[in-house]
Amino acid sequence: MDSPTQNTSLQRLQNVEKRIVRVLELAGGVMDELANPTGPRKEFINNQCREFMKMIKVPAFPAFIA
């Protein structure tokens, strides 16, 4: 049976995985938009890049602070 520590570690790992997937989706969306034959939409690029920057910021890890 998994210990509570293992469950917490697994949850953190799953959250990191979700963040990585989202960052890659955002980057791919920007690349697709930049390749748009009619030209990129500035507002779309701005929104994607803003969210990308928020996602890549390193959150505080309380487990490492103690």
Protein backbone atom coordinates (compact mmCIF):
# COMPACT_ATOMS: atom_id res chain seq x y z
CA MET A 1 0.00 0.00 0.00
CA ASP A 2 1.26 3.50 -0.82
CA SER A 3 2.25 5.75 2.03
CA PRO A 4 0.83 9.31 2.27
CA THR A 5 4.28 10.63 1.34
CA GLN A 6 4.31 8.55 -1.85
CA ASN A 7 0.82 9.79 -2.74
CA THR A 8 1.86 13.40 -2.20
CA SER A 9 4.99 12.89 -4.30
CA LEU A 10 2.94 11.26 -7.04
CA GLN A 11 0.46 14.14 -7.00
CA ARG A 12 3.28 16.68 -7.28
CA LEU A 13 4.78 14.71 -10.15
CA GLN A 14 1.41 14.62 -11.92
CA ASN A 15 1.02 18.38 -11.45
CA VAL A 16 4.47 18.98 -12.91
CA GLU A 17 3.61 16.73 -15.84
CA LYS A 18 0.41 18.73 -16.48
CA ARG A 19 2.37 21.99 -16.39
CA ILE A 20 4.95 20.64 -18.85
CA VAL A 21 2.22 19.49 -21.24
CA ARG A 22 0.49 22.88 -21.02
CA VAL A 23 3.74 24.77 -21.66
CA LEU A 24 4.39 22.64 -24.73
CA GLU A 25 0.83 23.23 -25.96
CA LEU A 26 1.29 26.98 -25.57
CA ALA A 27 4.63 26.93 -27.38
CA GLY A 28 3.13 24.84 -30.18
CA GLY A 29 0.19 27.23 -30.47
CA VAL A 30 2.54 30.19 -30.87
CA MET A 31 4.59 28.34 -33.48
CA ASP A 32 1.42 27.46 -35.41
CA GLU A 33 0.21 31.04 -35.22
CA LEU A 34 3.55 32.39 -36.43
CA ALA A 35 3.32 30.03 -39.41
CA ASN A 36 -0.18 31.26 -40.25
CA PRO A 37 -0.19 32.25 -43.96
CA THR A 38 -2.31 35.33 -43.22
CA GLY A 39 0.12 36.43 -40.53
CA PRO A 40 0.06 36.01 -36.78
CA ARG A 41 -2.67 37.59 -34.67
CA LYS A 42 -0.94 39.86 -32.19
CA GLU A 43 -3.50 39.42 -29.41
CA PHE A 44 -3.33 35.63 -29.68
CA ILE A 45 0.47 35.65 -29.53
CA ASN A 46 0.42 38.05 -26.56
CA ASN A 47 -2.05 35.89 -24.63
CA GLN A 48 -0.20 32.67 -25.34
CA CYS A 49 3.16 34.16 -24.38
CA ARG A 50 1.73 35.69 -21.21
CA GLU A 51 0.32 32.34 -20.10
CA PHE A 52 3.56 30.61 -21.10
CA MET A 53 5.58 32.95 -18.88
CA LYS A 54 3.23 32.35 -15.96
CA MET A 55 3.50 28.59 -16.40
CA ILE A 56 7.29 28.46 -16.49
CA LYS A 57 7.79 30.48 -13.32
CA VAL A 58 9.16 28.21 -10.62
CA PRO A 59 6.65 27.88 -7.79
CA ALA A 60 7.73 27.70 -4.18
CA PHE A 61 8.28 24.12 -3.07
CA PRO A 62 7.39 24.01 0.64
CA ALA A 63 8.97 20.55 0.96
CA PHE A 64 12.37 22.03 0.09
CA ILE A 65 12.08 25.08 2.34
CA ALA A 66 12.00 23.16 5.62
